[in-house]
């Protein structure tokens, strides 16, 4: 059995959640299985092992779950990109559009050194707005965005188009 098929067996589909017509991809069974979680982390990190990554930025909240172990696997530091008001001290903020309204991500102003080579990690790439905001946070602080790595790419939502010209890696596609 292909590794992707094996990992997909650890993701539960919840039809009509959070609303009718939507199928939610629940990653909690994957997180609960040590071998599947380790395999997912390895597959998120592997394409970037030879890229001299300085720091991994994980997007709140499930991007923390994957980003921190990816950083450890790559031997780098980890920077959380958080919702507004969650980080103490001076921050840099990037807003992004939602279906109705806006939201934002923040990182500490001193989190990324100028020229730092950065990998952004999150669990799901959907429409790309959140990931694009994270990318702008990285480049806006003078970081070099080496790529973005996701456990799942919901390809029908075309989120990759929001992230061009950056390198995008996804372990699984739906």
N, C-alpha and C. Protein backbone atom coordinates (compact mmCIF):
# COMPACT_ATOMS: atom_id res chain seq x y z
N UNK A 1 0.85 -1.19 0.00
CA UNK A 1 0.00 0.00 0.00
C UNK A 1 0.89 1.25 0.00
N UNK A 2 0.55 2.21 -0.81
CA UNK A 2 1.32 3.45 -0.89
C UNK A 2 1.23 4.20 0.44
N UNK A 3 2.32 4.92 0.77
CA UNK A 3 2.35 5.66 2.04
C UNK A 3 1.20 6.66 2.15
N UNK A 4 0.89 7.34 1.05
CA UNK A 4 -0.21 8.32 1.09
C UNK A 4 -1.53 7.64 1.43
N UNK A 5 -1.78 6.47 0.84
CA UNK A 5 -3.01 5.74 1.14
C UNK A 5 -3.04 5.34 2.61
N UNK A 6 -1.87 4.89 3.13
CA UNK A 6 -1.80 4.49 4.53
C UNK A 6 -2.08 5.67 5.45
N UNK A 7 -1.51 6.85 5.13
CA UNK A 7 -1.77 8.03 5.95
C UNK A 7 -3.23 8.47 5.84
N UNK A 8 -3.79 8.38 4.66
CA UNK A 8 -5.20 8.78 4.49
C UNK A 8 -6.14 7.90 5.33
N UNK A 9 -5.73 6.68 5.60
CA UNK A 9 -6.55 5.80 6.45
C UNK A 9 -6.64 6.34 7.88
N UNK A 10 -5.74 7.25 8.23
CA UNK A 10 -5.72 7.82 9.57
C UNK A 10 -6.40 9.19 9.63
N UNK A 11 -7.05 9.58 8.54
CA UNK A 11 -7.78 10.85 8.51
C UNK A 11 -9.26 10.52 8.34
N UNK A 12 -10.03 11.02 9.29
CA UNK A 12 -11.47 10.72 9.32
C UNK A 12 -12.23 11.80 8.56
N UNK A 13 -13.11 11.36 7.67
CA UNK A 13 -14.00 12.28 6.95
C UNK A 13 -15.27 12.48 7.75
N UNK A 14 -15.61 13.72 8.02
CA UNK A 14 -16.85 14.06 8.73
C UNK A 14 -17.75 14.84 7.78
N UNK A 15 -18.68 14.14 7.13
CA UNK A 15 -19.57 14.83 6.18
C UNK A 15 -20.47 15.84 6.89
N UNK A 16 -20.77 16.91 6.16
CA UNK A 16 -21.68 17.96 6.63
C UNK A 16 -21.22 18.63 7.92
N UNK A 17 -19.91 18.77 8.06
CA UNK A 17 -19.34 19.48 9.21
C UNK A 17 -18.34 20.51 8.71
N UNK A 18 -18.40 21.74 9.07
CA UNK A 18 -19.28 22.32 10.08
C UNK A 18 -20.64 22.75 9.54
N UNK A 19 -20.87 22.51 8.24
CA UNK A 19 -22.17 22.87 7.66
C UNK A 19 -22.49 21.89 6.54
N UNK A 20 -23.74 21.81 6.13
CA UNK A 20 -24.13 20.87 5.07
C UNK A 20 -23.32 21.10 3.79
N UNK A 21 -22.88 19.99 3.19
CA UNK A 21 -22.13 20.05 1.95
C UNK A 21 -20.62 20.09 2.13
N UNK A 22 -20.15 20.30 3.36
CA UNK A 22 -18.72 20.36 3.64
C UNK A 22 -18.28 19.03 4.26
N UNK A 23 -17.17 18.49 3.77
CA UNK A 23 -16.57 17.31 4.39
C UNK A 23 -15.32 17.76 5.12
N UNK A 24 -15.34 17.65 6.44
CA UNK A 24 -14.21 18.05 7.28
C UNK A 24 -13.22 16.90 7.34
N UNK A 25 -11.94 17.20 7.11
CA UNK A 25 -10.87 16.20 7.20
C UNK A 25 -10.29 16.27 8.62
N UNK A 26 -10.67 15.31 9.45
CA UNK A 26 -10.27 15.28 10.85
C UNK A 26 -8.94 14.56 10.99
N UNK A 27 -7.91 15.29 11.43
CA UNK A 27 -6.57 14.72 11.55
C UNK A 27 -6.31 14.10 12.93
N UNK A 28 -7.26 14.18 13.85
CA UNK A 28 -6.98 13.68 15.21
C UNK A 28 -6.67 12.19 15.25
N UNK A 29 -7.26 11.33 14.41
CA UNK A 29 -6.82 9.92 14.43
C UNK A 29 -5.35 9.77 14.01
N UNK A 30 -4.90 10.57 13.08
CA UNK A 30 -3.50 10.53 12.66
C UNK A 30 -2.59 10.95 13.82
N UNK A 31 -2.98 12.00 14.53
CA UNK A 31 -2.18 12.47 15.65
C UNK A 31 -2.12 11.43 16.77
N UNK A 32 -3.18 10.64 16.91
CA UNK A 32 -3.25 9.65 17.98
C UNK A 32 -2.43 8.40 17.70
N UNK A 33 -2.02 8.22 16.46
CA UNK A 33 -1.23 7.04 16.07
C UNK A 33 0.23 7.46 15.92
N UNK A 34 1.09 6.98 16.81
CA UNK A 34 2.49 7.40 16.82
C UNK A 34 3.20 7.19 15.50
N UNK A 35 3.00 6.04 14.88
CA UNK A 35 3.68 5.75 13.62
C UNK A 35 3.18 6.66 12.50
N UNK A 36 1.88 6.89 12.44
CA UNK A 36 1.32 7.76 11.40
C UNK A 36 1.76 9.20 11.60
N UNK A 37 1.76 9.66 12.86
CA UNK A 37 2.19 11.02 13.15
C UNK A 37 3.66 11.21 12.77
N UNK A 38 4.50 10.25 13.14
CA UNK A 38 5.93 10.34 12.80
C UNK A 38 6.13 10.34 11.29
N UNK A 39 5.38 9.50 10.59
CA UNK A 39 5.50 9.46 9.13
C UNK A 39 5.07 10.78 8.50
N UNK A 40 3.98 11.36 9.01
CA UNK A 40 3.51 12.65 8.49
C UNK A 40 4.56 13.74 8.70
N UNK A 41 5.15 13.80 9.89
CA UNK A 41 6.17 14.80 10.18
C UNK A 41 7.37 14.61 9.26
N UNK A 42 7.79 13.36 9.08
CA UNK A 42 8.92 13.09 8.19
C UNK A 42 8.62 13.53 6.76
N UNK A 43 7.41 13.26 6.30
CA UNK A 43 7.05 13.62 4.92
C UNK A 43 6.85 15.12 4.75
N UNK A 44 6.53 15.84 5.81
CA UNK A 44 6.48 17.30 5.75
C UNK A 44 7.89 17.90 5.68
N UNK A 45 8.84 17.28 6.37
CA UNK A 45 10.20 17.81 6.46
C UNK A 45 11.10 17.39 5.31
N UNK A 46 10.97 16.16 4.84
CA UNK A 46 11.94 15.58 3.90
C UNK A 46 12.25 16.44 2.66
N UNK A 47 11.27 17.04 1.99
CA UNK A 47 11.62 17.82 0.79
C UNK A 47 12.50 19.04 1.07
N UNK A 48 12.62 19.40 2.36
CA UNK A 48 13.36 20.62 2.71
C UNK A 48 14.63 20.32 3.51
N UNK A 49 15.01 19.06 3.61
CA UNK A 49 16.19 18.67 4.42
C UNK A 49 17.49 19.26 3.89
N UNK A 50 17.60 19.48 2.60
CA UNK A 50 18.84 20.01 2.02
C UNK A 50 18.72 21.48 1.65
N UNK A 51 17.80 22.19 2.27
CA UNK A 51 17.53 23.60 1.91
C UNK A 51 18.10 24.61 2.90
N UNK A 52 18.88 24.17 3.87
CA UNK A 52 19.48 25.07 4.85
C UNK A 52 18.44 25.97 5.52
N UNK A 53 17.38 25.36 6.01
CA UNK A 53 16.32 26.09 6.71
C UNK A 53 16.86 26.60 8.04
N UNK A 54 16.60 27.86 8.36
CA UNK A 54 17.01 28.45 9.64
C UNK A 54 15.91 28.37 10.69
N UNK A 55 14.66 28.47 10.24
CA UNK A 55 13.55 28.48 11.19
C UNK A 55 12.27 27.99 10.49
N UNK A 56 11.43 27.32 11.27
CA UNK A 56 10.11 26.90 10.81
C UNK A 56 9.08 27.80 11.47
N UNK A 57 8.17 28.33 10.67
CA UNK A 57 7.03 29.11 11.17
C UNK A 57 5.80 28.22 11.09
N UNK A 58 5.15 28.01 12.22
CA UNK A 58 3.92 27.21 12.28
C UNK A 58 2.73 28.12 12.47
N UNK A 59 1.66 27.85 11.72
CA UNK A 59 0.46 28.68 11.76
C UNK A 59 -0.51 28.13 12.81
N UNK A 60 -1.01 29.03 13.68
CA UNK A 60 -1.94 28.64 14.74
C UNK A 60 -3.17 27.95 14.16
N UNK A 61 -3.64 26.92 14.75
CA UNK A 61 -3.10 26.23 15.91
C UNK A 61 -2.49 24.88 15.50
N UNK A 62 -3.10 24.23 14.52
CA UNK A 62 -2.60 22.90 14.17
C UNK A 62 -1.26 22.96 13.46
N UNK A 63 -0.89 24.11 12.94
CA UNK A 63 0.44 24.28 12.39
C UNK A 63 1.52 24.19 13.46
N UNK A 64 1.13 24.44 14.73
CA UNK A 64 2.06 24.26 15.84
C UNK A 64 2.33 22.77 16.03
N UNK A 65 1.26 21.96 15.92
CA UNK A 65 1.35 20.52 16.16
C UNK A 65 2.33 19.89 15.18
N UNK A 66 2.32 20.35 13.93
CA UNK A 66 3.23 19.79 12.92
C UNK A 66 4.52 20.60 12.80
N UNK A 67 4.45 21.90 12.94
CA UNK A 67 5.61 22.74 12.74
C UNK A 67 6.72 22.52 13.74
N UNK A 68 6.38 22.35 15.02
CA UNK A 68 7.42 22.15 16.03
C UNK A 68 8.20 20.86 15.79
N UNK A 69 7.55 19.71 15.55
CA UNK A 69 8.35 18.52 15.27
C UNK A 69 9.10 18.58 13.93
N UNK A 70 8.56 19.30 12.95
CA UNK A 70 9.30 19.49 11.69
C UNK A 70 10.56 20.31 11.98
N UNK A 71 10.45 21.35 12.79
CA UNK A 71 11.62 22.14 13.16
C UNK A 71 12.66 21.26 13.86
N UNK A 72 12.21 20.41 14.78
CA UNK A 72 13.14 19.52 15.47
C UNK A 72 13.80 18.56 14.47
N UNK A 73 13.03 18.04 13.53
CA UNK A 73 13.57 17.12 12.53
C UNK A 73 14.61 17.80 11.64
N UNK A 74 14.41 19.10 11.39
CA UNK A 74 15.34 19.85 10.54
C UNK A 74 16.47 20.50 11.35
N UNK A 75 16.40 20.39 12.68
CA UNK A 75 17.43 20.98 13.52
C UNK A 75 17.38 22.49 13.56
N UNK A 76 16.18 23.05 13.48
CA UNK A 76 16.00 24.51 13.45
C UNK A 76 15.16 24.98 14.62
N UNK A 77 15.02 26.28 14.73
CA UNK A 77 14.10 26.86 15.69
C UNK A 77 12.69 26.87 15.15
N UNK A 78 11.76 27.24 16.02
CA UNK A 78 10.34 27.29 15.68
C UNK A 78 9.78 28.65 16.09
N UNK A 79 8.99 29.25 15.19
CA UNK A 79 8.33 30.53 15.46
C UNK A 79 6.83 30.34 15.26
N UNK A 80 6.03 30.65 16.29
CA UNK A 80 4.58 30.56 16.12
C UNK A 80 4.01 31.80 15.45
N UNK A 81 3.15 31.59 14.46
CA UNK A 81 2.36 32.66 13.86
C UNK A 81 0.99 32.55 14.51
N UNK A 82 0.63 33.55 15.32
CA UNK A 82 -0.54 33.45 16.18
C UNK A 82 -1.64 34.41 15.77
N UNK A 83 -2.82 34.14 16.29
CA UNK A 83 -3.95 35.06 16.13
C UNK A 83 -3.64 36.34 16.92
N UNK A 84 -4.26 37.45 16.56
CA UNK A 84 -3.95 38.73 17.21
C UNK A 84 -4.14 38.69 18.73
N UNK A 85 -3.20 39.36 19.41
CA UNK A 85 -3.30 39.52 20.85
C UNK A 85 -2.78 38.35 21.67
N UNK A 86 -2.26 37.32 21.05
CA UNK A 86 -1.80 36.14 21.77
C UNK A 86 -0.32 36.21 22.15
N UNK A 87 0.46 37.00 21.43
CA UNK A 87 1.90 37.09 21.69
C UNK A 87 2.20 38.32 22.53
N UNK A 88 3.06 38.18 23.53
CA UNK A 88 3.47 39.36 24.31
C UNK A 88 4.53 40.15 23.53
N UNK A 89 4.61 41.41 23.79
CA UNK A 89 5.64 42.23 23.15
C UNK A 89 5.26 42.69 21.77
N UNK A 90 6.17 43.44 21.13
CA UNK A 90 5.88 44.00 19.81
C UNK A 90 5.75 42.91 18.73
N UNK A 91 4.75 43.06 17.89
CA UNK A 91 4.51 42.08 16.83
C UNK A 91 4.36 42.75 15.48
N UNK A 92 4.49 41.94 14.46
CA UNK A 92 4.16 42.35 13.09
C UNK A 92 2.88 41.60 12.74
N UNK A 93 1.96 42.26 12.06
CA UNK A 93 0.64 41.71 11.79
C UNK A 93 0.36 41.71 10.30
N UNK A 94 -0.30 40.65 9.84
CA UNK A 94 -0.78 40.57 8.46
C UNK A 94 -2.23 40.12 8.48
N UNK A 95 -3.08 40.88 7.82
CA UNK A 95 -4.49 40.51 7.72
C UNK A 95 -4.73 39.68 6.47
N UNK A 96 -5.79 38.90 6.51
CA UNK A 96 -6.20 38.12 5.35
C UNK A 96 -7.72 38.03 5.32
N UNK A 97 -8.26 37.85 4.13
CA UNK A 97 -9.70 37.84 3.93
C UNK A 97 -10.30 36.49 4.28
N UNK A 98 -11.45 36.54 4.90
CA UNK A 98 -12.28 35.37 5.15
C UNK A 98 -13.52 35.50 4.27
N UNK A 99 -14.35 34.48 4.27
CA UNK A 99 -15.57 34.54 3.47
C UNK A 99 -16.40 35.77 3.86
N UNK A 100 -16.48 36.03 5.18
CA UNK A 100 -17.19 37.21 5.67
C UNK A 100 -16.29 37.91 6.67
N UNK A 101 -15.53 38.92 6.21
CA UNK A 101 -14.68 39.68 7.11
C UNK A 101 -13.20 39.37 6.91
N UNK A 102 -12.43 39.67 7.96
CA UNK A 102 -10.99 39.46 7.91
C UNK A 102 -10.52 38.83 9.21
N UNK A 103 -9.32 38.29 9.18
CA UNK A 103 -8.62 37.82 10.36
C UNK A 103 -7.17 38.23 10.19
N UNK A 104 -6.32 37.87 11.12
CA UNK A 104 -4.92 38.27 11.03
C UNK A 104 -4.04 37.25 11.74
N UNK A 105 -2.76 37.28 11.38
CA UNK A 105 -1.72 36.52 12.06
C UNK A 105 -0.66 37.51 12.52
N UNK A 106 0.02 37.15 13.61
CA UNK A 106 1.10 37.98 14.12
C UNK A 106 2.29 37.10 14.48
N UNK A 107 3.48 37.67 14.35
CA UNK A 107 4.72 37.09 14.87
C UNK A 107 5.45 38.20 15.61
N UNK A 108 6.32 37.80 16.53
CA UNK A 108 7.14 38.80 17.21
C UNK A 108 8.02 39.53 16.19
N UNK A 109 8.19 40.82 16.39
CA UNK A 109 9.02 41.62 15.46
C UNK A 109 10.46 41.12 15.39
N UNK A 110 10.95 40.50 16.46
CA UNK A 110 12.33 40.02 16.46
C UNK A 110 12.44 38.51 16.20
N UNK A 111 11.37 37.89 15.71
CA UNK A 111 11.35 36.44 15.54
C UNK A 111 12.19 35.95 14.37
N UNK A 112 12.33 36.76 13.34
CA UNK A 112 13.04 36.34 12.13
C UNK A 112 14.15 37.33 11.80
N UNK A 113 15.35 36.82 11.70
CA UNK A 113 16.48 37.66 11.32
C UNK A 113 16.41 37.95 9.82
N UNK A 114 16.90 39.11 9.43
CA UNK A 114 16.98 39.44 8.01
C UNK A 114 17.80 38.37 7.30
N UNK A 115 17.25 37.84 6.22
CA UNK A 115 17.92 36.80 5.45
C UNK A 115 17.70 35.39 5.96
N UNK A 116 16.96 35.22 7.07
CA UNK A 116 16.69 33.88 7.59
C UNK A 116 15.91 33.08 6.56
N UNK A 117 16.32 31.83 6.39
CA UNK A 117 15.65 30.93 5.44
C UNK A 117 14.54 30.20 6.20
N UNK A 118 13.29 30.40 5.73
CA UNK A 118 12.12 30.01 6.49
C UNK A 118 11.26 29.00 5.73
N UNK A 119 10.77 28.01 6.48
CA UNK A 119 9.76 27.07 6.00
C UNK A 119 8.50 27.31 6.81
N UNK A 120 7.37 27.52 6.14
CA UNK A 120 6.07 27.67 6.80
C UNK A 120 5.37 26.32 6.77
N UNK A 121 4.80 25.92 7.92
CA UNK A 121 4.13 24.62 8.05
C UNK A 121 2.73 24.82 8.60
N UNK A 122 1.77 24.09 8.01
CA UNK A 122 0.40 24.07 8.53
C UNK A 122 -0.22 22.73 8.19
N UNK A 123 -1.38 22.46 8.78
CA UNK A 123 -2.02 21.16 8.55
C UNK A 123 -2.75 21.10 7.22
N UNK A 124 -3.50 22.15 6.88
CA UNK A 124 -4.34 22.11 5.68
C UNK A 124 -4.16 23.38 4.85
N UNK A 125 -4.00 23.19 3.55
CA UNK A 125 -4.05 24.29 2.59
C UNK A 125 -5.44 24.25 1.97
N UNK A 126 -6.22 25.29 2.24
CA UNK A 126 -7.57 25.37 1.68
C UNK A 126 -7.56 26.48 0.62
N UNK A 127 -8.09 27.64 0.93
CA UNK A 127 -8.13 28.73 -0.05
C UNK A 127 -6.80 29.48 -0.15
N UNK A 128 -5.92 29.29 0.82
CA UNK A 128 -4.59 29.90 0.76
C UNK A 128 -4.44 31.23 1.45
N UNK A 129 -5.51 31.81 1.95
CA UNK A 129 -5.43 33.13 2.56
C UNK A 129 -4.56 33.19 3.79
N UNK A 130 -4.72 32.22 4.68
CA UNK A 130 -3.93 32.20 5.91
C UNK A 130 -2.46 31.98 5.60
N UNK A 131 -2.19 31.03 4.72
CA UNK A 131 -0.79 30.73 4.35
C UNK A 131 -0.16 31.93 3.64
N UNK A 132 -0.91 32.61 2.81
CA UNK A 132 -0.38 33.80 2.13
C UNK A 132 -0.04 34.89 3.14
N UNK A 133 -0.87 35.04 4.18
CA UNK A 133 -0.56 36.01 5.23
C UNK A 133 0.73 35.62 5.95
N UNK A 134 0.91 34.33 6.23
CA UNK A 134 2.14 33.87 6.87
C UNK A 134 3.35 34.15 5.97
N UNK A 135 3.19 33.93 4.68
CA UNK A 135 4.27 34.20 3.73
C UNK A 135 4.63 35.69 3.74
N UNK A 136 3.63 36.56 3.80
CA UNK A 136 3.88 38.00 3.85
C UNK A 136 4.57 38.39 5.16
N UNK A 137 4.21 37.71 6.26
CA UNK A 137 4.89 37.98 7.53
C UNK A 137 6.38 37.67 7.41
N UNK A 138 6.69 36.55 6.79
CA UNK A 138 8.09 36.13 6.63
C UNK A 138 8.85 37.14 5.77
N UNK A 139 8.34 37.42 4.59
CA UNK A 139 9.07 38.30 3.67
C UNK A 139 9.06 39.75 4.16
N UNK A 140 7.99 40.14 4.85
CA UNK A 140 7.91 41.49 5.39
C UNK A 140 8.93 41.76 6.48
N UNK A 141 9.41 40.71 7.11
CA UNK A 141 10.45 40.86 8.14
C UNK A 141 11.84 40.60 7.58
N UNK A 142 11.93 40.46 6.26
CA UNK A 142 13.23 40.27 5.64
C UNK A 142 13.67 38.83 5.55
N UNK A 143 12.77 37.90 5.87
CA UNK A 143 13.09 36.49 5.75
C UNK A 143 13.01 36.03 4.31
N UNK A 144 13.64 34.92 4.02
CA UNK A 144 13.60 34.29 2.71
C UNK A 144 12.68 33.09 2.83
N UNK A 145 11.55 33.13 2.16
CA UNK A 145 10.59 32.03 2.23
C UNK A 145 11.05 30.93 1.28
N UNK A 146 11.56 29.85 1.86
CA UNK A 146 12.05 28.72 1.07
C UNK A 146 10.89 27.89 0.56
N UNK A 147 9.83 27.77 1.36
CA UNK A 147 8.67 27.01 0.93
C UNK A 147 7.63 26.92 2.02
N UNK A 148 6.53 26.27 1.64
CA UNK A 148 5.42 26.01 2.56
C UNK A 148 5.10 24.53 2.47
N UNK A 149 4.89 23.89 3.62
CA UNK A 149 4.64 22.46 3.66
C UNK A 149 3.35 22.19 4.44
N UNK A 150 2.45 21.42 3.82
CA UNK A 150 1.14 21.13 4.40
C UNK A 150 0.91 19.64 4.46
N UNK A 151 0.20 19.19 5.48
CA UNK A 151 -0.20 17.79 5.53
C UNK A 151 -1.20 17.52 4.41
N UNK A 152 -2.20 18.39 4.26
CA UNK A 152 -3.29 18.18 3.31
C UNK A 152 -3.46 19.41 2.42
N UNK A 153 -3.61 19.17 1.13
CA UNK A 153 -3.98 20.22 0.18
C UNK A 153 -5.37 19.88 -0.34
N UNK A 154 -6.34 20.73 -0.07
CA UNK A 154 -7.69 20.58 -0.62
C UNK A 154 -7.65 21.22 -2.01
N UNK A 155 -7.23 20.44 -3.00
CA UNK A 155 -6.90 20.98 -4.32
C UNK A 155 -8.07 21.68 -5.00
N UNK A 156 -9.29 21.25 -4.72
CA UNK A 156 -10.46 21.85 -5.36
C UNK A 156 -10.67 23.30 -4.93
N UNK A 157 -10.00 23.74 -3.87
CA UNK A 157 -10.10 25.13 -3.43
C UNK A 157 -9.00 26.01 -4.01
N UNK A 158 -8.05 25.40 -4.71
CA UNK A 158 -7.01 26.12 -5.46
C UNK A 158 -6.18 27.08 -4.62
N UNK A 159 -5.88 26.70 -3.40
CA UNK A 159 -5.08 27.55 -2.52
C UNK A 159 -3.68 27.83 -3.01
N UNK A 160 -3.13 26.92 -3.81
CA UNK A 160 -1.76 27.12 -4.33
C UNK A 160 -1.66 28.39 -5.16
N UNK A 161 -2.76 28.79 -5.80
CA UNK A 161 -2.71 29.99 -6.63
C UNK A 161 -2.41 31.23 -5.79
N UNK A 162 -2.81 31.23 -4.51
CA UNK A 162 -2.54 32.36 -3.61
C UNK A 162 -1.08 32.42 -3.19
N UNK A 163 -0.35 31.32 -3.39
CA UNK A 163 1.00 31.20 -2.86
C UNK A 163 2.09 31.30 -3.92
N UNK A 164 1.70 31.53 -5.16
CA UNK A 164 2.70 31.67 -6.22
C UNK A 164 3.53 32.92 -5.98
N UNK A 165 4.81 32.89 -6.23
CA UNK A 165 5.61 31.88 -6.89
C UNK A 165 6.32 30.93 -5.92
N UNK A 166 5.86 30.87 -4.67
CA UNK A 166 6.55 30.08 -3.66
C UNK A 166 6.39 28.58 -3.87
N UNK A 167 7.37 27.85 -3.42
CA UNK A 167 7.35 26.38 -3.47
C UNK A 167 6.35 25.87 -2.44
N UNK A 168 5.44 25.00 -2.89
CA UNK A 168 4.42 24.43 -2.02
C UNK A 168 4.51 22.92 -2.08
N UNK A 169 4.58 22.31 -0.90
CA UNK A 169 4.60 20.85 -0.79
C UNK A 169 3.40 20.41 0.04
N UNK A 170 2.73 19.36 -0.40
CA UNK A 170 1.65 18.76 0.37
C UNK A 170 1.86 17.26 0.43
N UNK A 171 1.70 16.70 1.62
CA UNK A 171 1.84 15.26 1.81
C UNK A 171 0.67 14.53 1.17
N UNK A 172 -0.55 15.06 1.36
CA UNK A 172 -1.75 14.42 0.85
C UNK A 172 -2.59 15.44 0.08
N UNK A 173 -3.29 14.94 -0.93
CA UNK A 173 -4.20 15.80 -1.70
C UNK A 173 -5.59 15.19 -1.69
N UNK A 174 -6.57 16.06 -1.58
CA UNK A 174 -7.98 15.67 -1.68
C UNK A 174 -8.65 16.55 -2.71
